[in-house]
Amino acid sequence: MDQITDRNHPWIAAAESVLAHIAAVIVGFVLMVFGLALGVTMIMLPVGIVVGLLGAAIFVMGLFARVNQKG
C-alpha cells in the first residue's frame, strides 16, 4: 500500500500553489506602492518607474499566471 508523504498529497500541492500566488500578489502590490513613492521625487523617478512596473508585472503574474508541472 502507498504511504501518503508530504510530496505526493494533492492538497499540499494545491496549498503551495495558492500560497505562492498570494505571496506574489502581496510582493507585487508592495513594489508598486514603493515605486509610486520613489516616483514622487524627480531624482528617483527613473528608479520608481522601473520598480513600479516590476511590481505591476509580479502582481499580474500572481493573479493570472499558471505553471503546469508534470511529474
PDB file of N, CA and C in Angstrom:
ATOM      1  N   MET A   1       0.842  -1.170   0.000  1.00  0.00           N
ATOM      2  CA  MET A   1       0.000   0.000   0.000  1.00  0.00           C
ATOM      3  C   MET A   1       0.889   1.236   0.000  1.00  0.00           C
ATOM      4  N   ASP A   2       0.471   2.269  -0.753  1.00  0.00           N
ATOM      5  CA  ASP A   2       1.251   3.507  -0.822  1.00  0.00           C
ATOM      6  C   ASP A   2       1.042   4.331   0.438  1.00  0.00           C
ATOM      7  N   GLN A   3       2.126   4.852   0.920  1.00  0.00           N
ATOM      8  CA  GLN A   3       2.031   5.747   2.056  1.00  0.00           C
ATOM      9  C   GLN A   3       1.886   7.177   1.552  1.00  0.00           C
ATOM     10  N   ILE A   4       1.142   7.960   2.300  1.00  0.00           N
ATOM     11  CA  ILE A   4       0.986   9.362   1.941  1.00  0.00           C
ATOM     12  C   ILE A   4       2.154  10.126   2.545  1.00  0.00           C
ATOM     13  N   THR A   5       2.924  10.734   1.676  1.00  0.00           N
ATOM     14  CA  THR A   5       4.039  11.556   2.140  1.00  0.00           C
ATOM     15  C   THR A   5       3.704  13.010   1.888  1.00  0.00           C
ATOM     16  N   ASP A   6       4.558  13.882   2.334  1.00  0.00           N
ATOM     17  CA  ASP A   6       4.301  15.309   2.162  1.00  0.00           C
ATOM     18  C   ASP A   6       4.539  15.774   0.730  1.00  0.00           C
ATOM     19  N   ARG A   7       5.064  14.948  -0.130  1.00  0.00           N
ATOM     20  CA  ARG A   7       5.353  15.361  -1.503  1.00  0.00           C
ATOM     21  C   ARG A   7       4.329  14.885  -2.519  1.00  0.00           C
ATOM     22  N   ASN A   8       3.503  13.886  -2.192  1.00  0.00           N
ATOM     23  CA  ASN A   8       2.582  13.382  -3.197  1.00  0.00           C
ATOM     24  C   ASN A   8       1.116  13.601  -2.844  1.00  0.00           C
ATOM     25  N   HIS A   9       0.830  14.348  -1.839  1.00  0.00           N
ATOM     26  CA  HIS A   9      -0.554  14.602  -1.467  1.00  0.00           C
ATOM     27  C   HIS A   9      -1.083  15.795  -2.261  1.00  0.00           C
ATOM     28  N   PRO A  10      -2.232  15.650  -2.918  1.00  0.00           N
ATOM     29  CA  PRO A  10      -2.715  16.732  -3.788  1.00  0.00           C
ATOM     30  C   PRO A  10      -3.106  18.008  -3.044  1.00  0.00           C
ATOM     31  N   TRP A  11      -3.526  17.876  -1.800  1.00  0.00           N
ATOM     32  CA  TRP A  11      -3.902  19.082  -1.049  1.00  0.00           C
ATOM     33  C   TRP A  11      -2.696  19.946  -0.727  1.00  0.00           C
ATOM     34  N   ILE A  12      -1.574  19.327  -0.496  1.00  0.00           N
ATOM     35  CA  ILE A  12      -0.366  20.092  -0.196  1.00  0.00           C
ATOM     36  C   ILE A  12       0.102  20.845  -1.438  1.00  0.00           C
ATOM     37  N   ALA A  13       0.037  20.209  -2.581  1.00  0.00           N
ATOM     38  CA  ALA A  13       0.419  20.882  -3.818  1.00  0.00           C
ATOM     39  C   ALA A  13      -0.516  22.049  -4.107  1.00  0.00           C
ATOM     40  N   ALA A  14      -1.800  21.875  -3.857  1.00  0.00           N
ATOM     41  CA  ALA A  14      -2.760  22.965  -4.081  1.00  0.00           C
ATOM     42  C   ALA A  14      -2.509  24.118  -3.111  1.00  0.00           C
ATOM     43  N   ALA A  15      -2.223  23.803  -1.869  1.00  0.00           N
ATOM     44  CA  ALA A  15      -1.957  24.851  -0.882  1.00  0.00           C
ATOM     45  C   ALA A  15      -0.682  25.618  -1.217  1.00  0.00           C
ATOM     46  N   GLU A  16       0.344  24.907  -1.680  1.00  0.00           N
ATOM     47  CA  GLU A  16       1.581  25.586  -2.076  1.00  0.00           C
ATOM     48  C   GLU A  16       1.330  26.536  -3.236  1.00  0.00           C
ATOM     49  N   SER A  17       0.517  26.114  -4.185  1.00  0.00           N
ATOM     50  CA  SER A  17       0.215  26.953  -5.334  1.00  0.00           C
ATOM     51  C   SER A  17      -0.538  28.218  -4.910  1.00  0.00           C
ATOM     52  N   VAL A  18      -1.532  28.057  -4.061  1.00  0.00           N
ATOM     53  CA  VAL A  18      -2.321  29.203  -3.606  1.00  0.00           C
ATOM     54  C   VAL A  18      -1.450  30.163  -2.807  1.00  0.00           C
ATOM     55  N   LEU A  19      -0.625  29.631  -1.920  1.00  0.00           N
ATOM     56  CA  LEU A  19       0.231  30.498  -1.113  1.00  0.00           C
ATOM     57  C   LEU A  19       1.261  31.233  -1.966  1.00  0.00           C
ATOM     58  N   ALA A  20       1.768  30.577  -3.006  1.00  0.00           N
ATOM     59  CA  ALA A  20       2.716  31.244  -3.891  1.00  0.00           C
ATOM     60  C   ALA A  20       2.045  32.380  -4.645  1.00  0.00           C
ATOM     61  N   HIS A  21       0.810  32.181  -5.076  1.00  0.00           N
ATOM     62  CA  HIS A  21       0.085  33.248  -5.766  1.00  0.00           C
ATOM     63  C   HIS A  21      -0.220  34.413  -4.828  1.00  0.00           C
ATOM     64  N   ILE A  22      -0.614  34.105  -3.609  1.00  0.00           N
ATOM     65  CA  ILE A  22      -0.896  35.166  -2.634  1.00  0.00           C
ATOM     66  C   ILE A  22       0.376  35.955  -2.321  1.00  0.00           C
ATOM     67  N   ALA A  23       1.489  35.270  -2.163  1.00  0.00           N
ATOM     68  CA  ALA A  23       2.758  35.958  -1.896  1.00  0.00           C
ATOM     69  C   ALA A  23       3.155  36.845  -3.069  1.00  0.00           C
ATOM     70  N   ALA A  24       2.956  36.377  -4.301  1.00  0.00           N
ATOM     71  CA  ALA A  24       3.300  37.181  -5.470  1.00  0.00           C
ATOM     72  C   ALA A  24       2.424  38.428  -5.555  1.00  0.00           C
ATOM     73  N   VAL A  25       1.149  38.299  -5.227  1.00  0.00           N
ATOM     74  CA  VAL A  25       0.254  39.457  -5.254  1.00  0.00           C
ATOM     75  C   VAL A  25       0.677  40.477  -4.199  1.00  0.00           C
ATOM     76  N   ILE A  26       1.000  40.020  -3.012  1.00  0.00           N
ATOM     77  CA  ILE A  26       1.406  40.939  -1.935  1.00  0.00           C
ATOM     78  C   ILE A  26       2.720  41.624  -2.274  1.00  0.00           C
ATOM     79  N   VAL A  27       3.709  40.868  -2.737  1.00  0.00           N
ATOM     80  CA  VAL A  27       5.010  41.453  -3.091  1.00  0.00           C
ATOM     81  C   VAL A  27       4.856  42.439  -4.246  1.00  0.00           C
ATOM     82  N   GLY A  28       4.050  42.085  -5.231  1.00  0.00           N
ATOM     83  CA  GLY A  28       3.818  42.986  -6.353  1.00  0.00           C
ATOM     84  C   GLY A  28       3.163  44.273  -5.922  1.00  0.00           C
ATOM     85  N   PHE A  29       2.176  44.191  -5.036  1.00  0.00           N
ATOM     86  CA  PHE A  29       1.498  45.394  -4.556  1.00  0.00           C
ATOM     87  C   PHE A  29       2.458  46.290  -3.770  1.00  0.00           C
ATOM     88  N   VAL A  30       3.266  45.675  -2.917  1.00  0.00           N
ATOM     89  CA  VAL A  30       4.234  46.461  -2.137  1.00  0.00           C
ATOM     90  C   VAL A  30       5.239  47.153  -3.061  1.00  0.00           C
ATOM     91  N   LEU A  31       5.704  46.460  -4.090  1.00  0.00           N
ATOM     92  CA  LEU A  31       6.636  47.077  -5.032  1.00  0.00           C
ATOM     93  C   LEU A  31       5.983  48.207  -5.822  1.00  0.00           C
ATOM     94  N   MET A  32       4.713  48.060  -6.169  1.00  0.00           N
ATOM     95  CA  MET A  32       4.017  49.149  -6.866  1.00  0.00           C
ATOM     96  C   MET A  32       3.903  50.386  -5.987  1.00  0.00           C
ATOM     97  N   VAL A  33       3.560  50.187  -4.735  1.00  0.00           N
ATOM     98  CA  VAL A  33       3.454  51.323  -3.810  1.00  0.00           C
ATOM     99  C   VAL A  33       4.819  51.955  -3.588  1.00  0.00           C
ATOM    100  N   PHE A  34       5.845  51.118  -3.438  1.00  0.00           N
ATOM    101  CA  PHE A  34       7.203  51.633  -3.252  1.00  0.00           C
ATOM    102  C   PHE A  34       7.671  52.399  -4.489  1.00  0.00           C
ATOM    103  N   GLY A  35       7.360  51.881  -5.677  1.00  0.00           N
ATOM    104  CA  GLY A  35       7.711  52.583  -6.908  1.00  0.00           C
ATOM    105  C   GLY A  35       6.990  53.906  -7.031  1.00  0.00           C
ATOM    106  N   LEU A  36       5.729  53.947  -6.604  1.00  0.00           N
ATOM    107  CA  LEU A  36       4.985  55.201  -6.621  1.00  0.00           C
ATOM    108  C   LEU A  36       5.602  56.210  -5.657  1.00  0.00           C
ATOM    109  N   ALA A  37       6.020  55.745  -4.498  1.00  0.00           N
ATOM    110  CA  ALA A  37       6.661  56.633  -3.523  1.00  0.00           C
ATOM    111  C   ALA A  37       8.000  57.151  -4.052  1.00  0.00           C
ATOM    112  N   LEU A  38       8.748  56.308  -4.744  1.00  0.00           N
ATOM    113  CA  LEU A  38      10.014  56.754  -5.316  1.00  0.00           C
ATOM    114  C   LEU A  38       9.786  57.736  -6.463  1.00  0.00           C
ATOM    115  N   GLY A  39       8.707  57.546  -7.198  1.00  0.00           N
ATOM    116  CA  GLY A  39       8.429  58.404  -8.339  1.00  0.00           C
ATOM    117  C   GLY A  39       7.968  59.798  -7.975  1.00  0.00           C
ATOM    118  N   VAL A  40       7.672  60.045  -6.718  1.00  0.00           N
ATOM    119  CA  VAL A  40       7.228  61.372  -6.293  1.00  0.00           C
ATOM    120  C   VAL A  40       8.355  62.380  -6.444  1.00  0.00           C
ATOM    121  N   THR A  41       9.565  61.984  -6.143  1.00  0.00           N
ATOM    122  CA  THR A  41      10.696  62.889  -6.286  1.00  0.00           C
ATOM    123  C   THR A  41      11.275  62.771  -7.692  1.00  0.00           C
ATOM    124  N   MET A  42      11.711  63.861  -8.252  1.00  0.00           N
ATOM    125  CA  MET A  42      12.237  63.855  -9.621  1.00  0.00           C
ATOM    126  C   MET A  42      13.554  63.075  -9.714  1.00  0.00           C
ATOM    127  N   ILE A  43      14.332  63.074  -8.639  1.00  0.00           N
ATOM    128  CA  ILE A  43      15.626  62.408  -8.677  1.00  0.00           C
ATOM    129  C   ILE A  43      15.456  60.898  -8.773  1.00  0.00           C
ATOM    130  N   MET A  44      14.486  60.349  -8.060  1.00  0.00           N
ATOM    131  CA  MET A  44      14.281  58.906  -8.033  1.00  0.00           C
ATOM    132  C   MET A  44      13.218  58.430  -9.024  1.00  0.00           C
ATOM    133  N   LEU A  45      12.743  59.309  -9.907  1.00  0.00           N
ATOM    134  CA  LEU A  45      11.696  58.941 -10.851  1.00  0.00           C
ATOM    135  C   LEU A  45      12.079  57.768 -11.759  1.00  0.00           C
ATOM    136  N   PRO A  46      13.284  57.734 -12.349  1.00  0.00           N
ATOM    137  CA  PRO A  46      13.607  56.571 -13.191  1.00  0.00           C
ATOM    138  C   PRO A  46      13.605  55.252 -12.423  1.00  0.00           C
ATOM    139  N   VAL A  47      14.096  55.253 -11.206  1.00  0.00           N
ATOM    140  CA  VAL A  47      14.093  54.042 -10.387  1.00  0.00           C
ATOM    141  C   VAL A  47      12.662  53.681  -9.997  1.00  0.00           C
ATOM    142  N   GLY A  48      11.864  54.688  -9.671  1.00  0.00           N
ATOM    143  CA  GLY A  48      10.476  54.454  -9.284  1.00  0.00           C
ATOM    144  C   GLY A  48       9.657  53.846 -10.407  1.00  0.00           C
ATOM    145  N   ILE A  49       9.916  54.276 -11.636  1.00  0.00           N
ATOM    146  CA  ILE A  49       9.189  53.717 -12.778  1.00  0.00           C
ATOM    147  C   ILE A  49       9.533  52.237 -12.951  1.00  0.00           C
ATOM    148  N   VAL A  50      10.813  51.916 -12.863  1.00  0.00           N
ATOM    149  CA  VAL A  50      11.236  50.525 -13.025  1.00  0.00           C
ATOM    150  C   VAL A  50      10.674  49.652 -11.908  1.00  0.00           C
ATOM    151  N   VAL A  51      10.774  50.111 -10.677  1.00  0.00           N
ATOM    152  CA  VAL A  51      10.276  49.327  -9.542  1.00  0.00           C
ATOM    153  C   VAL A  51       8.759  49.176  -9.626  1.00  0.00           C
ATOM    154  N   GLY A  52       8.064  50.240  -9.989  1.00  0.00           N
ATOM    155  CA  GLY A  52       6.610  50.171 -10.105  1.00  0.00           C
ATOM    156  C   GLY A  52       6.152  49.226 -11.200  1.00  0.00           C
ATOM    157  N   LEU A  53       6.813  49.265 -12.356  1.00  0.00           N
ATOM    158  CA  LEU A  53       6.450  48.355 -13.439  1.00  0.00           C
ATOM    159  C   LEU A  53       6.787  46.903 -13.107  1.00  0.00           C
ATOM    160  N   LEU A  54       7.899  46.694 -12.428  1.00  0.00           N
ATOM    161  CA  LEU A  54       8.245  45.346 -11.981  1.00  0.00           C
ATOM    162  C   LEU A  54       7.201  44.833 -10.992  1.00  0.00           C
ATOM    163  N   GLY A  55       6.774  45.694 -10.080  1.00  0.00           N
ATOM    164  CA  GLY A  55       5.724  45.322  -9.135  1.00  0.00           C
ATOM    165  C   GLY A  55       4.415  45.007  -9.825  1.00  0.00           C
ATOM    166  N   ALA A  56       4.068  45.792 -10.849  1.00  0.00           N
ATOM    167  CA  ALA A  56       2.832  45.529 -11.589  1.00  0.00           C
ATOM    168  C   ALA A  56       2.911  44.189 -12.310  1.00  0.00           C
ATOM    169  N   ALA A  57       4.079  43.872 -12.876  1.00  0.00           N
ATOM    170  CA  ALA A  57       4.242  42.593 -13.572  1.00  0.00           C
ATOM    171  C   ALA A  57       4.116  41.423 -12.597  1.00  0.00           C
ATOM    172  N   ILE A  58       4.712  41.542 -11.422  1.00  0.00           N
ATOM    173  CA  ILE A  58       4.625  40.474 -10.422  1.00  0.00           C
ATOM    174  C   ILE A  58       3.191  40.347  -9.910  1.00  0.00           C
ATOM    175  N   PHE A  59       2.515  41.468  -9.727  1.00  0.00           N
ATOM    176  CA  PHE A  59       1.133  41.468  -9.264  1.00  0.00           C
ATOM    177  C   PHE A  59       0.222  40.743 -10.255  1.00  0.00           C
ATOM    178  N   VAL A  60       0.352  41.077 -11.546  1.00  0.00           N
ATOM    179  CA  VAL A  60      -0.468  40.436 -12.575  1.00  0.00           C
ATOM    180  C   VAL A  60      -0.108  38.958 -12.704  1.00  0.00           C
ATOM    181  N   MET A  61       1.184  38.636 -12.597  1.00  0.00           N
ATOM    182  CA  MET A  61       1.595  37.243 -12.644  1.00  0.00           C
ATOM    183  C   MET A  61       0.966  36.452 -11.492  1.00  0.00           C
ATOM    184  N   GLY A  62       0.930  37.060 -10.315  1.00  0.00           N
ATOM    185  CA  GLY A  62       0.325  36.384  -9.172  1.00  0.00           C
ATOM    186  C   GLY A  62      -1.163  36.155  -9.339  1.00  0.00           C
ATOM    187  N   LEU A  63      -1.822  37.027 -10.093  1.00  0.00           N
ATOM    188  CA  LEU A  63      -3.259  36.855 -10.312  1.00  0.00           C
ATOM    189  C   LEU A  63      -3.576  35.838 -11.398  1.00  0.00           C
ATOM    190  N   PHE A  64      -2.818  35.866 -12.493  1.00  0.00           N
ATOM    191  CA  PHE A  64      -3.233  35.118 -13.672  1.00  0.00           C
ATOM    192  C   PHE A  64      -2.295  34.007 -14.121  1.00  0.00           C
ATOM    193  N   ALA A  65      -1.043  34.013 -13.710  1.00  0.00           N
ATOM    194  CA  ALA A  65      -0.088  33.020 -14.226  1.00  0.00           C
ATOM    195  C   ALA A  65      -0.403  31.635 -13.681  1.00  0.00           C
ATOM    196  N   ARG A  66      -0.172  30.655 -14.515  1.00  0.00           N
ATOM    197  CA  ARG A  66      -0.374  29.264 -14.108  1.00  0.00           C
ATOM    198  C   ARG A  66       0.788  28.445 -14.649  1.00  0.00           C
ATOM    199  N   VAL A  67       1.445  27.734 -13.753  1.00  0.00           N
ATOM    200  CA  VAL A  67       2.561  26.894 -14.151  1.00  0.00           C
ATOM    201  C   VAL A  67       2.114  25.443 -14.002  1.00  0.00           C
ATOM    202  N   ASN A  68       2.099  24.749 -15.116  1.00  0.00           N
ATOM    203  CA  ASN A  68       1.715  23.339 -15.095  1.00  0.00           C
ATOM    204  C   ASN A  68       2.948  22.489 -14.871  1.00  0.00           C
ATOM    205  N   GLN A  69       2.927  21.712 -13.813  1.00  0.00           N
ATOM    206  CA  GLN A  69       4.047  20.835 -13.526  1.00  0.00           C
ATOM    207  C   GLN A  69       3.606  19.394 -13.690  1.00  0.00           C
ATOM    208  N   LYS A  70       4.312  18.679 -14.513  1.00  0.00           N
ATOM    209  CA  LYS A  70       4.025  17.254 -14.713  1.00  0.00           C
ATOM    210  C   LYS A  70       5.170  16.444 -14.122  1.00  0.00           C
ATOM    211  N   GLY A  71       4.826  15.407 -13.439  1.00  0.00           N
ATOM    212  CA  GLY A  71       5.864  14.508 -12.967  1.00  0.00           C
ATOM    213  C   GLY A  71       6.100  14.652 -11.550  1.00  0.00           C
TER     214      GLY A  71
END
